[in-house]
Each structure stands twice: as C-alpha cells, then as structure tokens.
C-alpha cells in the first residue's frame, strides 16, 4: 500500500489529530477523525440512504465526523472546476 499524507487539521494538539491520507494504489481515502456521537449515528439512520438498504452500521464500519476544514485536503478528479464545497 502506497499512502500519501494529504493533511491534518492545522495547529492540532498532539492527542487530537484528524488526518487524511490517499492510497495511491486504489485512490481510496483513509481518514482518522472524530467518531460520530450516538445522536449523529441515529440521525444518519433516520435519513437512510437508498430505499430498502439497511441503516445498521456493521461492526467493520463506523461513521466519522470530518471537520469542514478537512475538505480542502480531499483530492478532486481532474477536470473538476472547483465546484465542490471548500472549507
């Protein structure tokens, strides 16, 4: 796995460090961030995604909260004109 560091919240304390990396082999993002609260998970489950799809969060998955300031580190596909929201 070839990971590339993309960014960390500026001025982050040593023990509070949302970070984002890019797997250069797959294009996947690896994100270390704040675990969503129970209330946030419940809100996500209430909204759901597509009809008929389970809203349960499997043991091998989690819901994280990515601070808006981290959006600037998410790479955009080539050809995008920067219309994605930025922090």
PDB file of N, CA and C in Angstrom:
ATOM      1  N   UNK A   1       0.854  -1.166   0.000  1.00  0.00           N
ATOM      2  CA  UNK A   1       0.000   0.000   0.000  1.00  0.00           C
ATOM      3  C   UNK A   1       0.906   1.237   0.000  1.00  0.00           C
ATOM      4  N   UNK A   2       0.663   2.119  -0.963  1.00  0.00           N
ATOM      5  CA  UNK A   2       1.425   3.366  -1.026  1.00  0.00           C
ATOM      6  C   UNK A   2       0.521   4.502  -0.558  1.00  0.00           C
ATOM      7  N   UNK A   3       0.757   4.965   0.670  1.00  0.00           N
ATOM      8  CA  UNK A   3      -0.046   6.049   1.214  1.00  0.00           C
ATOM      9  C   UNK A   3       0.659   7.374   1.042  1.00  0.00           C
ATOM     10  N   UNK A   4      -0.144   8.402   0.756  1.00  0.00           N
ATOM     11  CA  UNK A   4       0.371   9.765   0.700  1.00  0.00           C
ATOM     12  C   UNK A   4      -0.399  10.600   1.702  1.00  0.00           C
ATOM     13  N   UNK A   5       0.316  11.258   2.604  1.00  0.00           N
ATOM     14  CA  UNK A   5      -0.283  12.164   3.568  1.00  0.00           C
ATOM     15  C   UNK A   5      -0.865  13.352   2.821  1.00  0.00           C
ATOM     16  N   UNK A   6      -2.144  13.677   3.094  1.00  0.00           N
ATOM     17  CA  UNK A   6      -2.780  14.812   2.443  1.00  0.00           C
ATOM     18  C   UNK A   6      -2.903  16.012   3.368  1.00  0.00           C
ATOM     19  N   UNK A   7      -3.235  15.764   4.637  1.00  0.00           N
ATOM     20  CA  UNK A   7      -3.378  16.907   5.525  1.00  0.00           C
ATOM     21  C   UNK A   7      -3.826  16.523   6.922  1.00  0.00           C
ATOM     22  N   UNK A   8      -3.641  17.486   7.806  1.00  0.00           N
ATOM     23  CA  UNK A   8      -4.047  17.359   9.200  1.00  0.00           C
ATOM     24  C   UNK A   8      -4.631  18.707   9.599  1.00  0.00           C
ATOM     25  N   UNK A   9      -5.544  18.721  10.548  1.00  0.00           N
ATOM     26  CA  UNK A   9      -6.107  19.990  10.993  1.00  0.00           C
ATOM     27  C   UNK A   9      -4.959  20.877  11.462  1.00  0.00           C
ATOM     28  N   UNK A  10      -4.866  22.081  10.934  1.00  0.00           N
ATOM     29  CA  UNK A  10      -3.781  22.980  11.338  1.00  0.00           C
ATOM     30  C   UNK A  10      -3.792  23.233  12.849  1.00  0.00           C
ATOM     31  N   UNK A  11      -2.611  23.369  13.399  1.00  0.00           N
ATOM     32  CA  UNK A  11      -2.434  23.659  14.829  1.00  0.00           C
ATOM     33  C   UNK A  11      -3.097  22.633  15.728  1.00  0.00           C
ATOM     34  N   UNK A  12      -3.188  21.394  15.270  1.00  0.00           N
ATOM     35  CA  UNK A  12      -3.836  20.349  16.049  1.00  0.00           C
ATOM     36  C   UNK A  12      -2.963  19.958  17.244  1.00  0.00           C
ATOM     37  N   UNK A  13      -3.589  19.724  18.395  1.00  0.00           N
ATOM     38  CA  UNK A  13      -2.803  19.235  19.529  1.00  0.00           C
ATOM     39  C   UNK A  13      -2.290  17.820  19.255  1.00  0.00           C
ATOM     40  N   UNK A  14      -1.292  17.409  20.001  1.00  0.00           N
ATOM     41  CA  UNK A  14      -0.653  16.107  19.785  1.00  0.00           C
ATOM     42  C   UNK A  14      -1.652  14.951  19.896  1.00  0.00           C
ATOM     43  N   UNK A  15      -2.639  15.057  20.775  1.00  0.00           N
ATOM     44  CA  UNK A  15      -3.561  13.934  21.001  1.00  0.00           C
ATOM     45  C   UNK A  15      -4.937  14.155  20.382  1.00  0.00           C
ATOM     46  N   UNK A  16      -5.058  15.055  19.435  1.00  0.00           N
ATOM     47  CA  UNK A  16      -6.338  15.352  18.794  1.00  0.00           C
ATOM     48  C   UNK A  16      -6.027  15.702  17.346  1.00  0.00           C
ATOM     49  N   UNK A  17      -5.985  14.671  16.488  1.00  0.00           N
ATOM     50  CA  UNK A  17      -5.366  14.913  15.184  1.00  0.00           C
ATOM     51  C   UNK A  17      -6.105  14.310  13.994  1.00  0.00           C
ATOM     52  N   UNK A  18      -7.289  14.830  13.626  1.00  0.00           N
ATOM     53  CA  UNK A  18      -7.901  14.356  12.394  1.00  0.00           C
ATOM     54  C   UNK A  18      -6.923  14.507  11.229  1.00  0.00           C
ATOM     55  N   UNK A  19      -6.738  13.411  10.500  1.00  0.00           N
ATOM     56  CA  UNK A  19      -5.731  13.328   9.443  1.00  0.00           C
ATOM     57  C   UNK A  19      -6.340  12.604   8.253  1.00  0.00           C
ATOM     58  N   UNK A  20      -5.826  12.895   7.056  1.00  0.00           N
ATOM     59  CA  UNK A  20      -6.331  12.231   5.859  1.00  0.00           C
ATOM     60  C   UNK A  20      -5.154  11.814   4.977  1.00  0.00           C
ATOM     61  N   UNK A  21      -5.246  10.587   4.446  1.00  0.00           N
ATOM     62  CA  UNK A  21      -4.231  10.016   3.562  1.00  0.00           C
ATOM     63  C   UNK A  21      -4.914   9.505   2.295  1.00  0.00           C
ATOM     64  N   UNK A  22      -4.155   9.399   1.217  1.00  0.00           N
ATOM     65  CA  UNK A  22      -4.621   8.840  -0.045  1.00  0.00           C
ATOM     66  C   UNK A  22      -3.863   7.554  -0.319  1.00  0.00           C
ATOM     67  N   UNK A  23      -4.602   6.469  -0.590  1.00  0.00           N
ATOM     68  CA  UNK A  23      -3.978   5.225  -1.040  1.00  0.00           C
ATOM     69  C   UNK A  23      -3.746   5.399  -2.532  1.00  0.00           C
ATOM     70  N   UNK A  24      -2.504   5.582  -2.907  1.00  0.00           N
ATOM     71  CA  UNK A  24      -2.188   5.870  -4.301  1.00  0.00           C
ATOM     72  C   UNK A  24      -2.402   4.672  -5.218  1.00  0.00           C
ATOM     73  N   UNK A  25      -2.520   3.472  -4.665  1.00  0.00           N
ATOM     74  CA  UNK A  25      -2.779   2.285  -5.484  1.00  0.00           C
ATOM     75  C   UNK A  25      -4.251   2.170  -5.866  1.00  0.00           C
ATOM     76  N   UNK A  26      -5.151   2.587  -4.949  1.00  0.00           N
ATOM     77  CA  UNK A  26      -6.580   2.402  -5.193  1.00  0.00           C
ATOM     78  C   UNK A  26      -7.345   3.717  -5.369  1.00  0.00           C
ATOM     79  N   UNK A  27      -6.764   4.814  -4.908  1.00  0.00           N
ATOM     80  CA  UNK A  27      -7.473   6.089  -4.910  1.00  0.00           C
ATOM     81  C   UNK A  27      -8.355   6.272  -3.695  1.00  0.00           C
ATOM     82  N   UNK A  28      -8.385   5.279  -2.800  1.00  0.00           N
ATOM     83  CA  UNK A  28      -9.195   5.372  -1.588  1.00  0.00           C
ATOM     84  C   UNK A  28      -8.601   6.395  -0.629  1.00  0.00           C
ATOM     85  N   UNK A  29      -9.469   6.981   0.190  1.00  0.00           N
ATOM     86  CA  UNK A  29      -9.031   7.881   1.243  1.00  0.00           C
ATOM     87  C   UNK A  29      -9.074   7.141   2.568  1.00  0.00           C
ATOM     88  N   UNK A  30      -8.074   7.334   3.398  1.00  0.00           N
ATOM     89  CA  UNK A  30      -8.071   6.824   4.762  1.00  0.00           C
ATOM     90  C   UNK A  30      -8.176   8.039   5.661  1.00  0.00           C
ATOM     91  N   UNK A  31      -9.166   8.027   6.537  1.00  0.00           N
ATOM     92  CA  UNK A  31      -9.466   9.206   7.333  1.00  0.00           C
ATOM     93  C   UNK A  31      -9.478   8.849   8.813  1.00  0.00           C
ATOM     94  N   UNK A  32      -8.664   9.572   9.558  1.00  0.00           N
ATOM     95  CA  UNK A  32      -8.711   9.498  11.016  1.00  0.00           C
ATOM     96  C   UNK A  32      -9.458  10.743  11.453  1.00  0.00           C
ATOM     97  N   UNK A  33     -10.543  10.572  12.161  1.00  0.00           N
ATOM     98  CA  UNK A  33     -11.315  11.735  12.574  1.00  0.00           C
ATOM     99  C   UNK A  33     -12.142  11.382  13.800  1.00  0.00           C
ATOM    100  N   UNK A  34     -13.021  12.277  14.154  1.00  0.00           N
ATOM    101  CA  UNK A  34     -13.843  12.093  15.345  1.00  0.00           C
ATOM    102  C   UNK A  34     -14.946  11.074  15.071  1.00  0.00           C
ATOM    103  N   UNK A  35     -15.142  10.156  15.984  1.00  0.00           N
ATOM    104  CA  UNK A  35     -16.241   9.197  15.874  1.00  0.00           C
ATOM    105  C   UNK A  35     -17.546   9.960  16.050  1.00  0.00           C
ATOM    106  N   UNK A  36     -18.511   9.671  15.217  1.00  0.00           N
ATOM    107  CA  UNK A  36     -19.816  10.308  15.342  1.00  0.00           C
ATOM    108  C   UNK A  36     -20.440   9.932  16.677  1.00  0.00           C
ATOM    109  N   UNK A  37     -21.186  10.857  17.250  1.00  0.00           N
ATOM    110  CA  UNK A  37     -21.884  10.583  18.500  1.00  0.00           C
ATOM    111  C   UNK A  37     -23.060   9.644  18.228  1.00  0.00           C
ATOM    112  N   UNK A  38     -23.595   9.078  19.279  1.00  0.00           N
ATOM    113  CA  UNK A  38     -24.774   8.216  19.122  1.00  0.00           C
ATOM    114  C   UNK A  38     -25.920   8.988  18.463  1.00  0.00           C
ATOM    115  N   UNK A  39     -26.097  10.241  18.850  1.00  0.00           N
ATOM    116  CA  UNK A  39     -27.172  11.057  18.269  1.00  0.00           C
ATOM    117  C   UNK A  39     -26.931  11.282  16.775  1.00  0.00           C
ATOM    118  N   UNK A  40     -25.681  11.483  16.371  1.00  0.00           N
ATOM    119  CA  UNK A  40     -25.374  11.681  14.951  1.00  0.00           C
ATOM    120  C   UNK A  40     -25.615  10.403  14.159  1.00  0.00           C
ATOM    121  N   UNK A  41     -25.226   9.259  14.735  1.00  0.00           N
ATOM    122  CA  UNK A  41     -25.459   7.976  14.067  1.00  0.00           C
ATOM    123  C   UNK A  41     -26.967   7.751  13.909  1.00  0.00           C
ATOM    124  N   UNK A  42     -27.730   8.015  14.960  1.00  0.00           N
ATOM    125  CA  UNK A  42     -29.181   7.851  14.888  1.00  0.00           C
ATOM    126  C   UNK A  42     -29.777   8.765  13.816  1.00  0.00           C
ATOM    127  N   UNK A  43     -29.288   9.994  13.719  1.00  0.00           N
ATOM    128  CA  UNK A  43     -29.791  10.916  12.693  1.00  0.00           C
ATOM    129  C   UNK A  43     -29.487  10.382  11.299  1.00  0.00           C
ATOM    130  N   UNK A  44     -28.276   9.837  11.097  1.00  0.00           N
ATOM    131  CA  UNK A  44     -27.928   9.242   9.803  1.00  0.00           C
ATOM    132  C   UNK A  44     -28.852   8.071   9.489  1.00  0.00           C
ATOM    133  N   UNK A  45     -29.144   7.254  10.499  1.00  0.00           N
ATOM    134  CA  UNK A  45     -30.011   6.101  10.297  1.00  0.00           C
ATOM    135  C   UNK A  45     -31.437   6.535   9.985  1.00  0.00           C
ATOM    136  N   UNK A  46     -31.891   7.629  10.586  1.00  0.00           N
ATOM    137  CA  UNK A  46     -33.234   8.141  10.296  1.00  0.00           C
ATOM    138  C   UNK A  46     -33.344   8.611   8.846  1.00  0.00           C
ATOM    139  N   UNK A  47     -32.307   9.270   8.355  1.00  0.00           N
ATOM    140  CA  UNK A  47     -32.301   9.753   6.971  1.00  0.00           C
ATOM    141  C   UNK A  47     -32.147   8.584   6.006  1.00  0.00           C
ATOM    142  N   UNK A  48     -31.271   7.629   6.356  1.00  0.00           N
ATOM    143  CA  UNK A  48     -31.033   6.470   5.497  1.00  0.00           C
ATOM    144  C   UNK A  48     -30.264   6.848   4.247  1.00  0.00           C
ATOM    145  N   UNK A  49     -30.271   5.969   3.272  1.00  0.00           N
ATOM    146  CA  UNK A  49     -29.554   6.229   2.027  1.00  0.00           C
ATOM    147  C   UNK A  49     -30.461   5.933   0.838  1.00  0.00           C
ATOM    148  N   UNK A  50     -30.570   4.668   0.452  1.00  0.00           N
ATOM    149  CA  UNK A  50     -31.451   4.321  -0.661  1.00  0.00           C
ATOM    150  C   UNK A  50     -32.553   3.403  -0.147  1.00  0.00           C
ATOM    151  N   UNK A  51     -33.721   3.451  -0.770  1.00  0.00           N
ATOM    152  CA  UNK A  51     -34.833   2.625  -0.295  1.00  0.00           C
ATOM    153  C   UNK A  51     -34.446   1.151  -0.196  1.00  0.00           C
ATOM    154  N   UNK A  52     -34.802   0.545   0.929  1.00  0.00           N
ATOM    155  CA  UNK A  52     -34.567  -0.882   1.124  1.00  0.00           C
ATOM    156  C   UNK A  52     -33.193  -1.231   1.657  1.00  0.00           C
ATOM    157  N   UNK A  53     -32.287  -0.258   1.732  1.00  0.00           N
ATOM    158  CA  UNK A  53     -30.934  -0.536   2.223  1.00  0.00           C
ATOM    159  C   UNK A  53     -30.913  -0.419   3.737  1.00  0.00           C
ATOM    160  N   UNK A  54     -30.240  -1.337   4.394  1.00  0.00           N
ATOM    161  CA  UNK A  54     -30.153  -1.333   5.853  1.00  0.00           C
ATOM    162  C   UNK A  54     -29.528  -0.041   6.360  1.00  0.00           C
ATOM    163  N   UNK A  55     -29.985   0.421   7.505  1.00  0.00           N
ATOM    164  CA  UNK A  55     -29.382   1.595   8.132  1.00  0.00           C
ATOM    165  C   UNK A  55     -28.468   1.195   9.286  1.00  0.00           C
ATOM    166  N   UNK A  56     -28.341  -0.103   9.530  1.00  0.00           N
ATOM    167  CA  UNK A  56     -27.440  -0.574  10.585  1.00  0.00           C
ATOM    168  C   UNK A  56     -25.993  -0.324  10.164  1.00  0.00           C
ATOM    169  N   UNK A  57     -25.140  -0.006  11.138  1.00  0.00           N
ATOM    170  CA  UNK A  57     -23.721   0.184  10.869  1.00  0.00           C
ATOM    171  C   UNK A  57     -23.015  -1.120  11.268  1.00  0.00           C
ATOM    172  N   UNK A  58     -22.487  -1.858  10.286  1.00  0.00           N
ATOM    173  CA  UNK A  58     -21.846  -3.130  10.596  1.00  0.00           C
ATOM    174  C   UNK A  58     -20.633  -2.955  11.502  1.00  0.00           C
ATOM    175  N   UNK A  59     -20.260  -4.009  12.193  1.00  0.00           N
ATOM    176  CA  UNK A  59     -19.120  -3.979  13.116  1.00  0.00           C
ATOM    177  C   UNK A  59     -17.834  -3.536  12.434  1.00  0.00           C
ATOM    178  N   UNK A  60     -17.664  -3.833  11.147  1.00  0.00           N
ATOM    179  CA  UNK A  60     -16.422  -3.479  10.455  1.00  0.00           C
ATOM    180  C   UNK A  60     -16.450  -2.067   9.866  1.00  0.00           C
ATOM    181  N   UNK A  61     -17.496  -1.301  10.151  1.00  0.00           N
ATOM    182  CA  UNK A  61     -17.618   0.072   9.669  1.00  0.00           C
ATOM    183  C   UNK A  61     -17.896   1.002  10.846  1.00  0.00           C
ATOM    184  N   UNK A  62     -17.715   2.285  10.609  1.00  0.00           N
ATOM    185  CA  UNK A  62     -18.081   3.290  11.600  1.00  0.00           C
ATOM    186  C   UNK A  62     -18.479   4.557  10.863  1.00  0.00           C
ATOM    187  N   UNK A  63     -19.133   5.452  11.542  1.00  0.00           N
ATOM    188  CA  UNK A  63     -19.455   6.763  10.985  1.00  0.00           C
ATOM    189  C   UNK A  63     -18.532   7.750  11.675  1.00  0.00           C
ATOM    190  N   UNK A  64     -17.806   8.541  10.872  1.00  0.00           N
ATOM    191  CA  UNK A  64     -16.925   9.553  11.440  1.00  0.00           C
ATOM    192  C   UNK A  64     -17.446  10.935  11.092  1.00  0.00           C
ATOM    193  N   UNK A  65     -17.048  11.911  11.877  1.00  0.00           N
ATOM    194  CA  UNK A  65     -17.354  13.311  11.574  1.00  0.00           C
ATOM    195  C   UNK A  65     -16.078  13.939  11.045  1.00  0.00           C
ATOM    196  N   UNK A  66     -16.115  14.372   9.794  1.00  0.00           N
ATOM    197  CA  UNK A  66     -14.969  15.020   9.169  1.00  0.00           C
ATOM    198  C   UNK A  66     -15.167  16.530   9.268  1.00  0.00           C
ATOM    199  N   UNK A  67     -14.322  17.227  10.031  1.00  0.00           N
ATOM    200  CA  UNK A  67     -14.473  18.673  10.150  1.00  0.00           C
ATOM    201  C   UNK A  67     -14.388  19.348   8.781  1.00  0.00           C
ATOM    202  N   UNK A  68     -15.192  20.372   8.574  1.00  0.00           N
ATOM    203  CA  UNK A  68     -15.250  21.064   7.282  1.00  0.00           C
ATOM    204  C   UNK A  68     -13.882  21.556   6.835  1.00  0.00           C
ATOM    205  N   UNK A  69     -13.037  21.911   7.776  1.00  0.00           N
ATOM    206  CA  UNK A  69     -11.709  22.404   7.411  1.00  0.00           C
ATOM    207  C   UNK A  69     -10.870  21.334   6.709  1.00  0.00           C
ATOM    208  N   UNK A  70     -11.256  20.058   6.849  1.00  0.00           N
ATOM    209  CA  UNK A  70     -10.521  18.961   6.223  1.00  0.00           C
ATOM    210  C   UNK A  70     -10.902  18.771   4.752  1.00  0.00           C
ATOM    211  N   UNK A  71     -12.013  19.344   4.307  1.00  0.00           N
ATOM    212  CA  UNK A  71     -12.466  19.153   2.928  1.00  0.00           C
ATOM    213  C   UNK A  71     -11.436  19.633   1.915  1.00  0.00           C
ATOM    214  N   UNK A  72     -10.653  20.629   2.278  1.00  0.00           N
ATOM    215  CA  UNK A  72      -9.658  21.154   1.335  1.00  0.00           C
ATOM    216  C   UNK A  72      -8.582  20.128   1.001  1.00  0.00           C
ATOM    217  N   UNK A  73      -8.444  19.086   1.798  1.00  0.00           N
ATOM    218  CA  UNK A  73      -7.423  18.071   1.556  1.00  0.00           C
ATOM    219  C   UNK A  73      -7.918  16.930   0.673  1.00  0.00           C
ATOM    220  N   UNK A  74      -9.208  16.878   0.379  1.00  0.00           N
ATOM    221  CA  UNK A  74      -9.748  15.795  -0.437  1.00  0.00           C
ATOM    222  C   UNK A  74      -9.468  16.101  -1.906  1.00  0.00           C
ATOM    223  N   UNK A  75      -8.721  15.231  -2.582  1.00  0.00           N
ATOM    224  CA  UNK A  75      -8.388  15.488  -3.981  1.00  0.00           C
ATOM    225  C   UNK A  75      -9.639  15.479  -4.853  1.00  0.00           C
ATOM    226  N   UNK A  76      -9.645  16.344  -5.856  1.00  0.00           N
ATOM    227  CA  UNK A  76     -10.749  16.419  -6.802  1.00  0.00           C
ATOM    228  C   UNK A  76     -10.342  15.715  -8.090  1.00  0.00           C
ATOM    229  N   UNK A  77     -11.287  15.038  -8.745  1.00  0.00           N
ATOM    230  CA  UNK A  77     -10.958  14.413 -10.024  1.00  0.00           C
ATOM    231  C   UNK A  77     -10.486  15.471 -11.014  1.00  0.00           C
ATOM    232  N   UNK A  78      -9.564  15.072 -11.874  1.00  0.00           N
ATOM    233  CA  UNK A  78      -9.079  16.008 -12.894  1.00  0.00           C
ATOM    234  C   UNK A  78     -10.245  16.477 -13.749  1.00  0.00           C
ATOM    235  N   UNK A  79     -10.211  17.747 -14.125  1.00  0.00           N
ATOM    236  CA  UNK A  79     -11.272  18.308 -14.937  1.00  0.00           C
ATOM    237  C   UNK A  79     -12.358  18.994 -14.141  1.00  0.00           C
ATOM    238  N   UNK A  80     -12.358  18.787 -12.809  1.00  0.00           N
ATOM    239  CA  UNK A  80     -13.338  19.485 -11.970  1.00  0.00           C
ATOM    240  C   UNK A  80     -12.972  20.944 -11.924  1.00  0.00           C
ATOM    241  N   UNK A  81     -13.954  21.807 -11.914  1.00  0.00           N
ATOM    242  CA  UNK A  81     -13.675  23.238 -11.905  1.00  0.00           C
ATOM    243  C   UNK A  81     -13.740  23.837 -10.511  1.00  0.00           C
ATOM    244  N   UNK A  82     -13.625  22.990  -9.486  1.00  0.00           N
ATOM    245  CA  UNK A  82     -13.599  23.503  -8.128  1.00  0.00           C
ATOM    246  C   UNK A  82     -14.972  23.834  -7.580  1.00  0.00           C
ATOM    247  N   UNK A  83     -16.028  23.174  -8.107  1.00  0.00           N
ATOM    248  CA  UNK A  83     -17.375  23.479  -7.653  1.00  0.00           C
ATOM    249  C   UNK A  83     -17.731  22.771  -6.350  1.00  0.00           C
ATOM    250  N   UNK A  84     -16.828  21.918  -5.851  1.00  0.00           N
ATOM    251  CA  UNK A  84     -17.083  21.224  -4.593  1.00  0.00           C
ATOM    252  C   UNK A  84     -16.948  22.210  -3.433  1.00  0.00           C
ATOM    253  N   UNK A  85     -17.752  22.018  -2.370  1.00  0.00           N
ATOM    254  CA  UNK A  85     -17.635  22.931  -1.232  1.00  0.00           C
ATOM    255  C   UNK A  85     -16.248  22.829  -0.611  1.00  0.00           C
ATOM    256  N   UNK A  86     -15.734  23.941  -0.229  1.00  0.00           N
ATOM    257  CA  UNK A  86     -14.418  24.009   0.402  1.00  0.00           C
ATOM    258  C   UNK A  86     -14.535  24.737   1.727  1.00  0.00           C
ATOM    259  N   UNK A  87     -13.710  24.344   2.662  1.00  0.00           N
ATOM    260  CA  UNK A  87     -13.696  24.983   3.975  1.00  0.00           C
ATOM    261  C   UNK A  87     -12.830  26.221   3.950  1.00  0.00           C
TER     262      UNK A  87
END
